[in-house]
C-alpha atoms as a PDB file:
ATOM      1  CA  MET A   1      -0.673  -0.152   0.149  1.00  0.00           C
ATOM      2  CA  ARG A   2       1.342   3.493  -1.292  1.00  0.00           C
ATOM      3  CA  ARG A   3       1.456   6.437   1.656  1.00  0.00           C
ATOM      4  CA  GLY A   4       1.286  10.478   0.344  1.00  0.00           C
ATOM      5  CA  SER A   5       5.370   9.980   0.081  1.00  0.00           C
ATOM      6  CA  GLY A   6       5.236   7.075  -2.466  1.00  0.00           C
ATOM      7  CA  ARG A   7       6.600   4.734  -0.260  1.00  0.00           C
ATOM      8  CA  VAL A   8       4.811   1.594  -0.164  1.00  0.00           C
ATOM      9  CA  LEU A   9       3.671   0.137   3.346  1.00  0.00           C
ATOM     10  CA  LYS A  10       4.404  -3.248   4.455  1.00  0.00           C
ATOM     11  CA  ALA A  11       1.224  -5.386   6.248  1.00  0.00           C
ATOM     12  CA  ASP A  12       2.855  -5.050   9.590  1.00  0.00           C
ATOM     13  CA  GLU A  13       3.375  -1.332   9.166  1.00  0.00           C
ATOM     14  CA  ILE A  14      -0.135  -1.157   8.059  1.00  0.00           C
ATOM     15  CA  ALA A  15      -0.900  -3.003  11.444  1.00  0.00           C
ATOM     16  CA  SER A  16       0.402  -0.931  13.645  1.00  0.00           C
ATOM     17  CA  ILE A  17      -0.747   2.259  12.598  1.00  0.00           C
ATOM     18  CA  ILE A  18      -4.164   0.666  13.247  1.00  0.00           C
ATOM     19  CA  ASP A  19      -3.381  -0.772  16.715  1.00  0.00           C
ATOM     20  CA  ARG A  20      -2.211   2.450  17.684  1.00  0.00           C
ATOM     21  CA  ARG A  21      -4.853   4.936  16.932  1.00  0.00           C
ATOM     22  CA  ALA A  22      -7.774   1.953  17.611  1.00  0.00           C
ATOM     23  CA  ASP A  23      -6.182   2.822  21.188  1.00  0.00           C
ATOM     24  CA  ARG A  24      -6.925   6.346  21.151  1.00  0.00           C
ATOM     25  CA  PRO A  25      -9.466   7.689  23.354  1.00  0.00           C
ATOM     26  CA  VAL A  26     -12.573   9.891  22.746  1.00  0.00           C
ATOM     27  CA  PRO A  27     -12.346  13.319  23.159  1.00  0.00           C
ATOM     28  CA  ASP A  28     -15.240  14.925  24.630  1.00  0.00           C
ATOM     29  CA  ARG A  29     -15.895  16.904  21.520  1.00  0.00           C
ATOM     30  CA  LEU A  30     -15.735  15.884  18.089  1.00  0.00           C
ATOM     31  CA  TYR A  31     -16.883  17.729  14.564  1.00  0.00           C
ATOM     32  CA  ARG A  32     -19.031  17.448  11.793  1.00  0.00           C
ATOM     33  CA  GLY A  33     -19.055  19.774   8.617  1.00  0.00           C
ATOM     34  CA  GLN A  34     -22.529  19.345   7.009  1.00  0.00           C
ATOM     35  CA  THR A  35     -25.984  20.573   5.870  1.00  0.00           C
ATOM     36  CA  GLY A  36     -29.056  19.978   7.744  1.00  0.00           C
ATOM     37  CA  SER A  37     -30.190  20.133  10.911  1.00  0.00           C
ATOM     38  CA  GLY A  38     -28.988  17.615  13.503  1.00  0.00           C
ATOM     39  CA  ILE A  39     -26.723  14.706  12.803  1.00  0.00           C
ATOM     40  CA  THR A  40     -29.047  11.707  11.424  1.00  0.00           C
ATOM     41  CA  SER A  41     -28.556   8.260  10.189  1.00  0.00           C
ATOM     42  CA  SER A  42     -30.929   6.967   6.953  1.00  0.00           C
ATOM     43  CA  PHE A  43     -30.031   3.209   8.668  1.00  0.00           C
ATOM     44  CA  ASP A  44     -32.568   0.772   8.862  1.00  0.00           C
ATOM     45  CA  TRP A  45     -32.352  -0.610  12.341  1.00  0.00           C
ATOM     46  CA  THR A  46     -34.494  -3.529  12.445  1.00  0.00           C
ATOM     47  CA  GLY A  47     -33.702  -7.072  12.966  1.00  0.00           C
ATOM     48  CA  PRO A  48     -32.049  -8.659  14.904  1.00  0.00           C
ATOM     49  CA  ASP A  49     -28.473  -8.230  13.272  1.00  0.00           C
ATOM     50  CA  ALA A  50     -28.571  -4.526  13.158  1.00  0.00           C
ATOM     51  CA  GLN A  51     -26.156  -3.518  15.109  1.00  0.00           C
ATOM     52  CA  ASP A  52     -23.466  -5.785  13.034  1.00  0.00           C
ATOM     53  CA  ARG A  53     -25.049  -4.172   9.886  1.00  0.00           C
ATOM     54  CA  TYR A  54     -24.533  -0.884  11.179  1.00  0.00           C
ATOM     55  CA  LEU A  55     -21.090  -1.568  12.078  1.00  0.00           C
ATOM     56  CA  ALA A  56     -20.474  -3.506   8.739  1.00  0.00           C
ATOM     57  CA  ALA A  57     -21.821  -0.452   7.001  1.00  0.00           C
ATOM     58  CA  ILE A  58     -19.593   2.166   8.865  1.00  0.00           C
ATOM     59  CA  ILE A  59     -17.000  -0.173   7.412  1.00  0.00           C
ATOM     60  CA  ALA A  60     -18.073   0.780   3.780  1.00  0.00           C
ATOM     61  CA  HIS A  61     -18.167   4.080   4.573  1.00  0.00           C
ATOM     62  CA  ALA A  62     -14.684   3.971   5.334  1.00  0.00           C
ATOM     63  CA  GLY A  63     -13.663   2.083   2.447  1.00  0.00           C
ATOM     64  CA  SER A  64     -15.411   4.387  -0.063  1.00  0.00           C
ATOM     65  CA  HIS A  65     -14.108   8.006  -1.394  1.00  0.00           C
ATOM     66  CA  SER A  66     -17.276   9.529  -0.606  1.00  0.00           C
ATOM     67  CA  GLY A  67     -18.285   7.859   2.228  1.00  0.00           C
ATOM     68  CA  THR A  68     -20.847   5.883   0.793  1.00  0.00           C
ATOM     69  CA  GLU A  69     -24.878   6.252   0.824  1.00  0.00           C
ATOM     70  CA  GLN A  70     -25.009   9.251   2.116  1.00  0.00           C
ATOM     71  CA  GLY A  71     -26.395   9.662   5.559  1.00  0.00           C
ATOM     72  CA  ARG A  72     -26.171   5.978   6.442  1.00  0.00           C
ATOM     73  CA  ALA A  73     -23.665   5.834   8.731  1.00  0.00           C
ATOM     74  CA  PRO A  74     -22.499   9.467   9.072  1.00  0.00           C
ATOM     75  CA  SER A  75     -18.853  10.041  10.381  1.00  0.00           C
ATOM     76  CA  LEU A  76     -17.372  12.413  12.982  1.00  0.00           C
ATOM     77  CA  THR A  77     -13.743  14.031  13.309  1.00  0.00           C
ATOM     78  CA  MET A  78     -11.749  14.335  16.170  1.00  0.00           C
ATOM     79  CA  SER A  79     -10.608  17.665  14.159  1.00  0.00           C
ATOM     80  CA  GLU A  80     -12.398  21.066  14.067  1.00  0.00           C
ATOM     81  CA  SER A  81     -10.183  21.553  11.266  1.00  0.00           C
ATOM     82  CA  THR A  82     -11.429  18.836   8.933  1.00  0.00           C
ATOM     83  CA  ALA A  83     -14.888  19.671   9.759  1.00  0.00           C
ATOM     84  CA  GLU A  84     -14.188  23.163   8.469  1.00  0.00           C
ATOM     85  CA  HIS A  85     -12.474  21.462   5.617  1.00  0.00           C
ATOM     86  CA  PHE A  86     -15.887  19.580   4.439  1.00  0.00           C
ATOM     87  CA  ALA A  87     -18.188  22.351   5.335  1.00  0.00           C
ATOM     88  CA  ARG A  88     -16.370  24.841   2.853  1.00  0.00           C
ATOM     89  CA  ALA A  89     -17.341  21.860   0.251  1.00  0.00           C
ATOM     90  CA  ARG A  90     -20.691  22.170   1.098  1.00  0.00           C
ATOM     91  CA  PRO A  91     -22.755  25.342   0.028  1.00  0.00           C
ATOM     92  CA  GLY A  92     -24.937  26.145   3.634  1.00  0.00           C
ATOM     93  CA  ALA A  93     -22.682  23.583   5.432  1.00  0.00           C
ATOM     94  CA  LYS A  94     -22.103  24.589   9.431  1.00  0.00           C
ATOM     95  CA  VAL A  95     -19.490  22.627  11.714  1.00  0.00           C
ATOM     96  CA  TRP A  96     -21.506  20.924  14.248  1.00  0.00           C
ATOM     97  CA  ILE A  97     -19.599  20.535  17.665  1.00  0.00           C
ATOM     98  CA  VAL A  98     -20.856  16.699  19.713  1.00  0.00           C
ATOM     99  CA  ASP A  99     -20.809  16.041  23.007  1.00  0.00           C
ATOM    100  CA  THR A 100     -19.336  12.650  23.818  1.00  0.00           C
ATOM    101  CA  THR A 101     -19.513  12.420  27.632  1.00  0.00           C
ATOM    102  CA  HIS A 102     -22.916  11.202  27.378  1.00  0.00           C
ATOM    103  CA  GLY A 103     -22.535   8.284  25.582  1.00  0.00           C
ATOM    104  CA  ARG A 104     -18.406   7.974  25.253  1.00  0.00           C
ATOM    105  CA  GLN A 105     -19.131   4.335  25.145  1.00  0.00           C
ATOM    106  CA  ASP A 106     -20.910   4.401  21.763  1.00  0.00           C
ATOM    107  CA  PHE A 107     -18.347   6.641  19.828  1.00  0.00           C
ATOM    108  CA  ARG A 108     -15.489   4.367  18.251  1.00  0.00           C
ATOM    109  CA  THR A 109     -12.886   5.260  15.836  1.00  0.00           C
ATOM    110  CA  ILE A 110     -12.750   3.626  12.688  1.00  0.00           C
ATOM    111  CA  GLU A 111      -9.260   2.009  13.394  1.00  0.00           C
ATOM    112  CA  ASP A 112     -11.092   0.578  16.666  1.00  0.00           C
ATOM    113  CA  ILE A 113     -13.554  -0.639  14.549  1.00  0.00           C
ATOM    114  CA  LEU A 114     -11.712  -1.926  11.553  1.00  0.00           C
ATOM    115  CA  LYS A 115      -8.990  -3.540  14.541  1.00  0.00           C
ATOM    116  CA  ASN A 116     -11.837  -4.926  16.811  1.00  0.00           C
ATOM    117  CA  ASP A 117     -14.919  -5.635  14.752  1.00  0.00           C
ATOM    118  CA  GLY A 118     -13.280  -6.226  10.812  1.00  0.00           C
ATOM    119  CA  PRO A 119     -12.254  -9.553  11.328  1.00  0.00           C
ATOM    120  CA  ARG A 120     -15.201 -10.954  12.774  1.00  0.00           C
ATOM    121  CA  LEU A 121     -17.684  -9.269  10.560  1.00  0.00           C
ATOM    122  CA  VAL A 122     -15.682 -10.665   7.148  1.00  0.00           C
ATOM    123  CA  LEU A 123     -15.556 -14.446   9.349  1.00  0.00           C
ATOM    124  CA  GLU A 124     -19.806 -13.872   9.637  1.00  0.00           C
ATOM    125  CA  GLY A 125     -20.121 -13.114   5.619  1.00  0.00           C
ATOM    126  CA  LYS A 126     -21.263  -8.927   6.996  1.00  0.00           C
ATOM    127  CA  VAL A 127     -18.391  -7.701   5.122  1.00  0.00           C
ATOM    128  CA  SER A 128     -16.262  -8.913   2.242  1.00  0.00           C
ATOM    129  CA  LYS A 129     -12.453  -9.030   2.738  1.00  0.00           C
ATOM    130  CA  PRO A 130     -11.909  -6.503  -0.407  1.00  0.00           C
ATOM    131  CA  VAL A 131     -14.478  -3.700   1.258  1.00  0.00           C
ATOM    132  CA  LEU A 132     -12.268  -4.366   4.676  1.00  0.00           C
ATOM    133  CA  ALA A 133      -8.542  -3.817   2.620  1.00  0.00           C
ATOM    134  CA  ARG A 134     -10.150  -0.891   1.092  1.00  0.00           C
ATOM    135  CA  ALA A 135     -11.762   0.391   4.321  1.00  0.00           C
ATOM    136  CA  VAL A 136      -8.195  -0.066   6.518  1.00  0.00           C
ATOM    137  CA  GLY A 137      -6.493   0.849   3.441  1.00  0.00           C
ATOM    138  CA  LEU A 138      -8.012   4.089   2.971  1.00  0.00           C
ATOM    139  CA  THR A 139      -8.173   4.960   6.598  1.00  0.00           C
ATOM    140  CA  VAL A 140      -4.051   4.722   6.635  1.00  0.00           C
ATOM    141  CA  THR A 141      -4.082   7.197   3.899  1.00  0.00           C
ATOM    142  CA  ASN A 142      -6.621   9.128   5.298  1.00  0.00           C
ATOM    143  CA  GLN A 143      -5.407   9.470   9.051  1.00  0.00           C
ATOM    144  CA  TRP A 144      -6.238  13.507   8.801  1.00  0.00           C
ATOM    145  CA  GLU A 145      -9.877  12.990   8.996  1.00  0.00           C
ATOM    146  CA  ASP A 146      -9.570  11.315  12.269  1.00  0.00           C
ATOM    147  CA  GLU A 147     -12.810   9.740  12.067  1.00  0.00           C
ATOM    148  CA  VAL A 148     -15.163   8.837  14.831  1.00  0.00           C
ATOM    149  CA  PHE A 149     -18.964   7.025  14.622  1.00  0.00           C
ATOM    150  CA  TYR A 150     -21.299   6.932  16.743  1.00  0.00           C
ATOM    151  CA  THR A 151     -22.252   2.968  16.840  1.00  0.00           C
ATOM    152  CA  ARG A 152     -26.331   3.819  17.865  1.00  0.00           C
ATOM    153  CA  GLY A 153     -26.721   5.452  14.918  1.00  0.00           C
ATOM    154  CA  SER A 154     -28.327   9.095  14.701  1.00  0.00           C
ATOM    155  CA  VAL A 155     -26.587  11.203  16.835  1.00  0.00           C
ATOM    156  CA  PRO A 156     -29.227  12.249  19.828  1.00  0.00           C
ATOM    157  CA  GLN A 157     -30.140  16.252  19.055  1.00  0.00           C
ATOM    158  CA  ASP A 158     -29.793  17.141  22.294  1.00  0.00           C
ATOM    159  CA  TRP A 159     -25.916  15.755  22.422  1.00  0.00           C
ATOM    160  CA  ALA A 160     -25.063  18.188  19.120  1.00  0.00           C
ATOM    161  CA  ARG A 161     -25.237  21.734  18.222  1.00  0.00           C
ATOM    162  CA  PRO A 162     -23.849  23.990  15.435  1.00  0.00           C
ATOM    163  CA  ARG A 163     -20.754  25.884  16.191  1.00  0.00           C
ATOM    164  CA  GLY A 164     -21.241  29.513  15.650  1.00  0.00           C
ATOM    165  CA  PRO A 165     -19.657  32.187  13.530  1.00  0.00           C
ATOM    166  CA  ARG A 166     -15.651  32.245  14.089  1.00  0.00           C
ATOM    167  CA  PRO A 167     -14.941  35.664  15.832  1.00  0.00           C
ATOM    168  CA  LEU A 168     -12.717  37.627  13.064  1.00  0.00           C
ATOM    169  CA  PRO A 169      -8.691  37.569  13.668  1.00  0.00           C
ATOM    170  CA  ARG A 170      -8.088  40.637  16.138  1.00  0.00           C
ATOM    171  CA  PRO A 171      -6.723  43.350  13.264  1.00  0.00           C
ATOM    172  CA  LEU A 172      -9.874  42.635  11.036  1.00  0.00           C
ATOM    173  CA  GLU A 173     -12.319  43.237  13.820  1.00  0.00           C
ATOM    174  CA  GLU A 174     -10.447  46.361  14.909  1.00  0.00           C
ATOM    175  CA  ALA A 175     -10.833  47.488  11.350  1.00  0.00           C
ATOM    176  CA  ARG A 176     -14.666  46.180  10.938  1.00  0.00           C
ATOM    177  CA  LEU A 177     -15.430  48.516  14.286  1.00  0.00           C
ATOM    178  CA  ARG A 178     -13.242  51.384  12.444  1.00  0.00           C
ATOM    179  CA  GLY A 179     -15.093  51.544   9.774  1.00  0.00           C
ATOM    180  CA  GLY A 180     -12.633  49.405   7.714  1.00  0.00           C
ATOM    181  CA  ARG A 181     -11.294  51.381   5.116  1.00  0.00           C
ATOM    182  CA  ASP A 182      -9.206  53.679   7.177  1.00  0.00           C
ATOM    183  CA  HIS A 183      -8.152  51.660   9.284  1.00  0.00           C
ATOM    184  CA  LEU A 184      -6.600  49.101   6.367  1.00  0.00           C
ATOM    185  CA  ALA A 185      -5.776  52.554   4.074  1.00  0.00           C
ATOM    186  CA  GLN A 186      -3.139  53.696   7.234  1.00  0.00           C
ATOM    187  CA  ASN A 187      -1.691  50.286   7.110  1.00  0.00           C
ATOM    188  CA  THR A 188      -1.304  50.240   3.520  1.00  0.00           C
ATOM    189  CA  LYS A 189       0.183  53.336   2.557  1.00  0.00           C
ATOM    190  CA  HIS A 190       4.212  53.500   1.344  1.00  0.00           C
ATOM    191  CA  PRO A 191       7.014  55.951   3.189  1.00  0.00           C
END
């Protein structure tokens, strides 16, 4: 498997990356860049194997370049800047903040799911080997995404809220308060 540098990673290097990242704790806050009024899943929870099917949907999401089947298994991120990146790509999107302290045990990193559920789901025929391999490969390649999933589907509404607008950097805020042009004109005069 190739990494950004073009270097091919060996299987033991890939396993080491997944193992190391699977043990990371989930922080108190997670983020998501999206449109809409809540972080909802369109997954069908009927049937006795629904939890395993949802974990399989998460693995399929991680193994696709576009998050396959939009809305089925929405991903979250540990990185606010990653959520901003995805929000900028969608007209009208906002960055959402998720409080994980209400049910931390149900928030899991993608590496945790790949390591601790992926092989079992393949053995049980709920995920194919190629899908799991693709998910591992893309997860290692896209570590910057810091993906976390709420393993119960839709995030409860009172756990998530849209982030307000970010304040302007101080010089820009001061310029706005003074009317902008006078302050900016003073700073652009040449001696």
